[in-house]
Amino acid sequence: MLGFRFTNYTKSEETLFEKLFDIFKQLLVHTSGDFDEAISWLDQLDKEYELTTPEYGIPEFIQDLKDKGYIKEKIAGKGDIVITGKTEQAIREQALERIFGKLKKGVLGNHSTKFVGNGDEMTSDARPFQFGDSLDQISMLESLKNAQISGGIEDFTLSETDLEVKEKEHKSQTSTVLMIDISHSMILYGEDRITPAKNVAMALAELIRRKYPKDTLDILVFGNDAWQIELKDLPYLQVGPFHTNTVAGIELAMDLLKRRKNPNRQIFMITDGKPTCLKTKEGYFKDSNGLNPQILAKCLTLAQHCRKLRIPITTFMVARDPYLQEFVHDFTEANNGKAYYTSLEGLGGFIFEDFEKNKRRNVR
């Protein structure tokens, strides 16, 4: 009789398409979703590092992208190629794995709080049955034991007073707004800060979609002004010739959270510099020389207002200048929020850690 036979696990080799696709997705983020530029970069990398083979080259890779639904012609017959929603999804999944690592599937979209109430998970707390309790909360073992104690085995009856229920852990929903700085300094001095910021935003969105599908995530960008963007726009996001209007970003974030009508609200802000712009009745007031008192005062006032509304702001500062850290310290103190001074490499890990911590308590 042949039983089970165990052998060492052998990891399946990546296909050449999968290897090229992994690089291609990263290039798409760097090129803001420009297919032609990404393919041009891939071709240059191929010439330098011999990524392809004589049997499978860049033309075959492009054809596979078409066949698998990752790219399409913008207008049929015109030849202009654009990426599809399937590719955008693949880019978000790659960002999640690269920044946060592989996640195990968890409870669908609910976050634990310190409160009991209507929820999904039973706790060890027990209490007498009350009118309105659901039947699945009744602990039959404890209820039968109470009935036996009350009437004995000879005259066994189960009455309402014998019923005992287990409390359920209350689960909360959270509404999050992610603010991304797209001022010119995000690519200044030859350092690319916007690409990691986009990767973090895509990874965070994918994290919420997988682990907390009942939550909401709104994304906005801020330069001279602030405006909301869709999740599908993230790979195409570009830095502009903008100053940093932090006030406009926070005001829009507050407005978005107000529409959500959720008591659990928070703002994540990724920025690399000080606020340098303010919109007034006369137009844009800009000052890039140090911390302008007028702009600073408006920022701190908004931070305090968010604190009164119980909206914590977590700032992720990707610059190390002492006077910028002093501003973030004052801003965070005014809001009673959190601040992280981090390198671009550690940005995703910090966001993940704080997101998980905030998700495990009711924001009060």
Protein backbone atom coordinates (compact mmCIF):
# COMPACT_ATOMS: atom_id res chain seq x y z
CA MET A 1 0.00 0.00 0.00
CA LEU A 2 1.42 3.37 -1.06
CA GLY A 3 1.21 6.01 1.68
CA PHE A 4 2.14 9.68 1.72
CA ARG A 5 5.49 10.62 0.24
CA PHE A 6 7.16 13.84 1.43
CA THR A 7 9.82 15.68 -0.54
CA ASN A 8 11.66 18.97 -0.10
CA TYR A 9 9.71 22.01 -1.30
CA THR A 10 11.04 23.38 -4.55
CA LYS A 11 10.08 26.96 -5.32
CA SER A 12 8.79 27.37 -8.85
CA GLU A 13 11.01 29.48 -11.06
CA GLU A 14 9.75 32.85 -12.24
CA THR A 15 9.02 33.02 -15.92
CA LEU A 16 10.85 35.57 -18.02
CA PHE A 17 7.59 37.46 -18.45
CA GLU A 18 7.13 37.68 -14.65
CA LYS A 19 10.69 38.96 -14.16
CA LEU A 20 10.28 41.63 -16.84
CA PHE A 21 6.82 42.56 -15.58
CA ASP A 22 8.17 43.12 -12.06
CA ILE A 23 10.74 45.59 -13.40
CA PHE A 24 8.22 47.15 -15.79
CA LYS A 25 5.78 47.94 -12.95
CA GLN A 26 8.50 49.75 -11.03
CA LEU A 27 9.44 51.73 -14.11
CA LEU A 28 5.81 52.75 -14.63
CA VAL A 29 5.75 54.35 -11.18
CA HIS A 30 8.99 56.24 -11.90
CA THR A 31 7.69 57.44 -15.28
CA SER A 32 4.25 58.40 -13.92
CA GLY A 33 2.51 55.73 -15.99
CA ASP A 34 4.13 56.63 -19.32
CA PHE A 35 4.19 53.33 -21.24
CA ASP A 36 6.58 54.44 -23.99
CA GLU A 37 9.12 55.86 -21.54
CA ALA A 38 8.91 52.79 -19.29
CA ILE A 39 9.50 50.46 -22.25
CA SER A 40 12.41 52.64 -23.39
CA TRP A 41 14.00 52.33 -19.95
CA LEU A 42 13.35 48.59 -19.94
CA ASP A 43 15.03 48.31 -23.34
CA GLN A 44 18.09 50.18 -22.04
CA LEU A 45 18.26 47.90 -18.99
CA ASP A 46 17.98 44.88 -21.28
CA LYS A 47 20.94 46.07 -23.38
CA GLU A 48 23.03 46.64 -20.26
CA TYR A 49 22.08 43.58 -18.21
CA GLU A 50 20.81 41.13 -20.87
CA LEU A 51 17.40 40.60 -19.28
CA THR A 52 15.87 38.87 -22.29
CA THR A 53 16.83 35.96 -24.52
CA PRO A 54 17.00 35.55 -28.32
CA GLU A 55 13.72 33.59 -28.12
CA TYR A 56 11.92 36.10 -25.86
CA GLY A 57 12.65 39.79 -26.25
CA ILE A 58 10.95 43.11 -25.60
CA PRO A 59 8.54 42.76 -28.58
CA GLU A 60 7.34 39.38 -27.26
CA PHE A 61 6.97 40.92 -23.79
CA ILE A 62 4.82 43.75 -25.17
CA GLN A 63 2.65 41.26 -27.04
CA ASP A 64 2.15 39.25 -23.82
CA LEU A 65 1.15 42.46 -22.03
CA LYS A 66 -1.53 43.00 -24.67
CA ASP A 67 -2.71 39.39 -24.60
CA LYS A 68 -2.97 39.37 -20.80
CA GLY A 69 -4.90 42.66 -20.70
CA TYR A 70 -2.22 44.82 -19.04
CA ILE A 71 -2.04 47.36 -21.87
CA LYS A 72 -4.32 48.52 -24.65
CA GLU A 73 -4.43 51.00 -27.52
CA LYS A 74 -5.77 54.35 -26.38
CA ILE A 75 -7.63 54.71 -29.67
CA ALA A 76 -8.01 51.59 -31.81
CA GLY A 77 -5.72 51.67 -34.82
CA LYS A 78 -3.77 54.76 -33.69
CA GLY A 79 -0.91 52.87 -32.01
CA ASP A 80 -0.81 54.88 -28.77
CA ILE A 81 -0.60 52.40 -25.89
CA VAL A 82 -1.74 52.99 -22.30
CA ILE A 83 -1.84 50.77 -19.24
CA THR A 84 -5.14 49.31 -18.04
CA GLY A 85 -6.86 49.08 -14.65
CA LYS A 86 -5.45 45.58 -14.34
CA THR A 87 -1.93 47.01 -14.42
CA GLU A 88 -2.82 49.70 -11.88
CA GLN A 89 -4.05 46.94 -9.55
CA ALA A 90 -0.83 44.98 -10.11
CA ILE A 91 1.25 48.06 -9.27
CA ARG A 92 -0.65 48.57 -5.99
CA GLU A 93 -0.14 44.90 -5.06
CA GLN A 94 3.57 45.17 -5.80
CA ALA A 95 3.84 48.31 -3.65
CA LEU A 96 2.10 46.50 -0.79
CA GLU A 97 4.51 43.56 -0.95
CA ARG A 98 7.63 45.69 -1.30
CA ILE A 99 6.77 48.10 1.52
CA PHE A 100 4.67 46.13 3.98
CA GLY A 101 5.59 42.54 3.13
CA LYS A 102 3.11 39.74 2.53
CA LEU A 103 0.01 39.98 4.70
CA LYS A 104 -2.08 37.16 6.06
CA LYS A 105 -5.77 37.45 5.48
CA GLY A 106 -7.46 38.85 8.60
CA VAL A 107 -10.91 39.76 9.84
CA LEU A 108 -12.90 41.45 7.14
CA GLY A 109 -12.62 45.15 7.56
CA ASN A 110 -13.16 45.58 11.28
CA HIS A 111 -10.89 47.10 13.88
CA SER A 112 -10.86 46.14 17.54
CA THR A 113 -11.70 48.73 20.14
CA LYS A 114 -11.83 48.71 23.92
CA PHE A 115 -15.63 48.72 23.84
CA VAL A 116 -18.16 45.88 23.74
CA GLY A 117 -21.29 45.92 21.62
CA ASN A 118 -22.51 44.69 18.24
CA GLY A 119 -19.61 43.01 16.55
CA ASP A 120 -18.21 39.79 15.17
CA GLU A 121 -15.94 38.33 17.84
CA MET A 122 -17.08 36.92 21.18
CA THR A 123 -15.30 38.08 24.32
CA SER A 124 -14.92 36.32 27.68
CA ASP A 125 -17.33 38.79 29.32
CA ALA A 126 -20.73 37.30 30.25
CA ARG A 127 -23.97 38.84 31.53
CA PRO A 128 -27.66 37.92 31.94
CA PHE A 129 -29.84 37.85 28.83
CA GLN A 130 -31.61 41.11 27.95
CA PHE A 131 -34.43 41.74 25.51
CA GLY A 132 -32.93 42.48 22.10
CA ASP A 133 -29.86 40.23 22.43
CA SER A 134 -29.28 38.04 19.37
CA LEU A 135 -29.65 34.28 19.71
CA ASP A 136 -26.09 33.61 18.61
CA GLN A 137 -24.84 35.45 21.70
CA ILE A 138 -26.49 32.98 24.10
CA SER A 139 -23.99 30.70 25.82
CA MET A 140 -25.89 27.40 25.88
CA LEU A 141 -23.43 25.69 28.20
CA GLU A 142 -23.64 28.38 30.86
CA SER A 143 -27.41 28.76 30.42
CA LEU A 144 -28.03 25.02 30.90
CA LYS A 145 -25.76 25.02 33.94
CA ASN A 146 -27.75 27.91 35.45
CA ALA A 147 -31.02 26.05 34.83
CA GLN A 148 -29.68 22.92 36.51
CA ILE A 149 -28.56 24.92 39.54
CA SER A 150 -31.94 26.66 39.75
CA GLY A 151 -34.32 23.69 39.31
CA GLY A 152 -32.14 20.64 39.69
CA ILE A 153 -32.04 17.62 37.42
CA GLU A 154 -35.39 16.26 38.66
CA ASP A 155 -37.39 19.32 37.64
CA PHE A 156 -35.29 20.71 34.86
CA THR A 157 -36.68 23.82 33.16
CA LEU A 158 -34.93 26.55 31.19
CA SER A 159 -36.32 30.04 31.84
CA GLU A 160 -35.31 33.48 30.60
CA THR A 161 -33.55 34.20 33.91
CA ASP A 162 -31.21 31.25 33.29
CA LEU A 163 -30.02 32.56 29.94
CA GLU A 164 -26.51 33.97 29.82
CA VAL A 165 -24.96 35.79 26.88
CA LYS A 166 -21.41 36.46 25.81
CA GLU A 167 -20.49 40.01 24.94
CA LYS A 168 -19.23 40.74 21.45
CA GLU A 169 -16.29 42.98 20.79
CA HIS A 170 -17.36 46.20 19.14
CA LYS A 171 -15.70 46.80 15.79
CA SER A 172 -15.05 50.26 14.43
CA GLN A 173 -14.67 51.75 11.00
CA THR A 174 -12.09 54.40 10.29
CA SER A 175 -11.97 57.13 7.68
CA THR A 176 -8.47 58.14 6.60
CA VAL A 177 -7.25 60.97 4.40
CA LEU A 178 -3.77 60.64 2.93
CA MET A 179 -2.11 63.94 1.97
CA ILE A 180 0.82 63.87 -0.48
CA ASP A 181 3.09 66.87 -0.98
CA ILE A 182 3.71 67.46 -4.71
CA SER A 183 5.69 70.69 -4.38
CA HIS A 184 8.81 71.13 -6.47
CA SER A 185 11.09 70.25 -3.56
CA MET A 186 9.91 66.61 -3.80
CA ILE A 187 12.34 66.22 -6.73
CA LEU A 188 14.78 69.00 -5.82
CA TYR A 189 18.55 68.48 -5.54
CA GLY A 190 18.35 65.32 -7.67
CA GLU A 191 16.56 63.31 -4.98
CA ASP A 192 13.36 61.54 -6.00
CA ARG A 193 10.96 61.74 -3.05
CA ILE A 194 7.67 61.58 -4.93
CA THR A 195 8.11 57.98 -6.16
CA PRO A 196 8.42 56.50 -2.64
CA ALA A 197 5.49 58.68 -1.55
CA LYS A 198 3.36 57.24 -4.38
CA ASN A 199 4.41 53.71 -3.50
CA VAL A 200 3.41 54.24 0.12
CA ALA A 201 0.03 55.67 -0.90
CA MET A 202 -0.67 52.71 -3.19
CA ALA A 203 0.46 50.22 -0.56
CA LEU A 204 -1.72 51.83 2.11
CA ALA A 205 -4.73 51.77 -0.21
CA GLU A 206 -4.16 48.09 -0.99
CA LEU A 207 -3.76 47.34 2.73
CA ILE A 208 -7.14 48.90 3.47
CA ARG A 209 -8.76 47.11 0.53
CA ARG A 210 -7.53 43.71 1.73
CA LYS A 211 -7.68 43.90 5.51
CA TYR A 212 -10.24 46.63 6.19
CA PRO A 213 -12.65 46.77 3.24
CA LYS A 214 -15.29 48.64 5.27
CA ASP A 215 -12.90 51.54 5.86
CA THR A 216 -12.62 54.58 3.63
CA LEU A 217 -9.46 56.14 2.21
CA ASP A 218 -9.41 59.50 0.46
CA ILE A 219 -6.24 60.74 -1.22
CA LEU A 220 -5.35 64.33 -1.93
CA VAL A 221 -2.30 66.18 -3.19
CA PHE A 222 -1.21 69.67 -2.26
CA GLY A 223 1.05 72.24 -3.89
CA ASN A 224 -0.10 75.83 -4.37
CA ASP A 225 -3.63 74.42 -3.94
CA ALA A 226 -5.04 71.08 -2.84
CA TRP A 227 -7.27 68.71 -4.78
CA GLN A 228 -8.56 65.18 -4.43
CA ILE A 229 -7.30 62.40 -6.69
CA GLU A 230 -8.60 58.92 -7.37
CA LEU A 231 -6.73 55.76 -6.48
CA LYS A 232 -6.25 55.00 -10.17
CA ASP A 233 -4.43 58.33 -10.60
CA LEU A 234 -1.56 57.47 -8.25
CA PRO A 235 0.82 55.86 -10.77
CA TYR A 236 0.48 58.96 -12.98
CA LEU A 237 1.13 61.50 -10.20
CA GLN A 238 3.77 64.12 -11.00
CA VAL A 239 5.45 66.92 -9.09
CA GLY A 240 4.69 70.43 -10.31
CA PRO A 241 6.32 73.87 -10.05
CA PHE A 242 4.49 74.42 -6.78
CA HIS A 243 5.07 75.85 -3.34
CA THR A 244 3.72 74.00 -0.27
CA ASN A 245 0.23 75.08 0.77
CA THR A 246 -0.21 72.84 3.81
CA VAL A 247 -3.21 74.89 4.95
CA ALA A 248 -5.16 74.13 1.75
CA GLY A 249 -4.37 70.44 2.14
CA ILE A 250 -5.60 70.24 5.74
CA GLU A 251 -8.74 72.24 4.95
CA LEU A 252 -9.64 69.86 2.12
CA ALA A 253 -8.86 66.84 4.31
CA MET A 254 -11.20 68.15 7.02
CA ASP A 255 -13.92 68.69 4.44
CA LEU A 256 -13.55 65.14 3.10
CA LEU A 257 -13.72 63.66 6.60
CA LYS A 258 -16.76 65.75 7.43
CA ARG A 259 -18.63 64.17 4.50
CA ARG A 260 -17.80 60.68 5.76
CA LYS A 261 -19.80 61.21 8.98
CA ASN A 262 -17.57 58.73 10.81
CA PRO A 263 -16.51 59.34 14.45
CA ASN A 264 -13.15 57.62 13.80
CA ARG A 265 -11.15 59.94 11.57
CA GLN A 266 -7.48 60.60 10.93
CA ILE A 267 -5.11 62.36 8.55
CA PHE A 268 -1.75 61.09 7.28
CA MET A 269 0.50 63.73 5.74
CA ILE A 270 3.65 62.94 3.74
CA THR A 271 5.79 66.03 3.18
CA ASP A 272 9.43 67.00 2.84
CA GLY A 273 9.34 70.68 3.63
CA LYS A 274 7.91 73.64 5.45
CA PRO A 275 4.64 75.37 4.46
CA THR A 276 5.51 78.19 2.06
CA CYS A 277 2.19 79.21 0.53
CA LEU A 278 -1.15 80.58 1.65
CA LYS A 279 -4.17 81.58 -0.41
CA THR A 280 -5.63 84.96 0.55
CA LYS A 281 -8.27 87.26 -0.89
CA GLU A 282 -5.57 89.08 -2.81
CA GLY A 283 -4.13 85.87 -4.28
CA TYR A 284 -1.29 83.55 -3.30
CA PHE A 285 1.01 84.65 -0.52
CA LYS A 286 4.34 82.82 -0.93
CA ASP A 287 7.48 82.88 1.16
CA SER A 288 10.25 80.30 0.78
CA ASN A 289 12.66 82.05 3.15
CA GLY A 290 12.40 80.36 6.50
CA LEU A 291 9.16 79.90 8.43
CA ASN A 292 6.81 82.77 7.72
CA PRO A 293 4.90 83.77 10.92
CA GLN A 294 1.61 84.32 9.05
CA ILE A 295 1.68 80.93 7.32
CA LEU A 296 2.90 79.20 10.48
CA ALA A 297 0.12 80.70 12.61
CA LYS A 298 -2.55 79.53 10.17
CA CYS A 299 -1.11 75.99 10.16
CA LEU A 300 -1.05 75.79 13.95
CA THR A 301 -4.60 77.15 14.19
CA LEU A 302 -5.84 74.40 11.86
CA ALA A 303 -3.93 71.78 13.83
CA GLN A 304 -5.67 72.91 17.02
CA HIS A 305 -9.04 72.92 15.27
CA CYS A 306 -8.51 69.31 14.16
CA ARG A 307 -7.65 68.43 17.75
CA LYS A 308 -10.98 69.86 18.94
CA LEU A 309 -12.74 67.79 16.28
CA ARG A 310 -10.80 64.70 17.47
CA ILE A 311 -8.99 64.31 14.15
CA PRO A 312 -5.38 63.25 14.80
CA ILE A 313 -2.79 64.21 12.21
CA THR A 314 0.24 61.99 11.72
CA THR A 315 3.05 63.75 9.87
CA PHE A 316 5.77 61.85 8.03
CA MET A 317 8.61 64.28 7.48
CA VAL A 318 11.20 63.12 4.95
CA ALA A 319 13.60 65.98 5.65
CA ARG A 320 16.09 66.23 8.51
CA ASP A 321 16.63 70.00 8.78
CA PRO A 322 16.50 71.05 12.45
CA TYR A 323 14.27 74.08 11.91
CA LEU A 324 11.83 71.95 9.89
CA GLN A 325 11.74 69.41 12.71
CA GLU A 326 11.00 72.27 15.09
CA PHE A 327 8.00 73.26 12.96
CA VAL A 328 6.69 69.69 12.86
CA HIS A 329 7.15 69.44 16.64
CA ASP A 330 5.05 72.58 17.21
CA PHE A 331 2.45 71.45 14.68
CA THR A 332 2.17 67.99 16.26
CA GLU A 333 1.95 69.45 19.76
CA ALA A 334 -0.88 71.74 18.67
CA ASN A 335 -2.81 68.79 17.24
CA ASN A 336 -1.78 66.23 19.87
CA GLY A 337 -0.96 63.96 16.95
CA LYS A 338 2.14 62.02 15.91
CA ALA A 339 5.23 62.82 13.90
CA TYR A 340 7.93 60.67 12.36
CA TYR A 341 11.22 61.94 11.02
CA THR A 342 12.24 59.25 8.64
CA SER A 343 14.30 58.42 5.59
CA LEU A 344 12.56 57.51 2.36
CA GLU A 345 13.53 53.87 2.82
CA GLY A 346 11.77 53.62 6.19
CA LEU A 347 8.66 55.56 5.24
CA GLY A 348 6.42 52.61 4.44
CA GLY A 349 7.25 50.77 7.63
CA PHE A 350 6.43 53.78 9.77
CA ILE A 351 3.08 54.31 8.06
CA PHE A 352 2.20 50.64 8.42
CA GLU A 353 3.09 50.58 12.12
CA ASP A 354 1.11 53.69 12.94
CA PHE A 355 -1.83 52.70 10.76
CA GLU A 356 -2.11 49.39 12.59
CA LYS A 357 -1.86 51.08 15.99
CA ASN A 358 -4.55 53.60 15.16
CA LYS A 359 -6.77 50.86 13.78
CA ARG A 360 -6.69 48.97 17.05
CA ARG A 361 -8.27 51.68 19.13
CA ASN A 362 -11.24 53.95 18.92
CA VAL A 363 -10.00 57.45 18.04
CA ARG A 364 -11.28 59.72 20.78
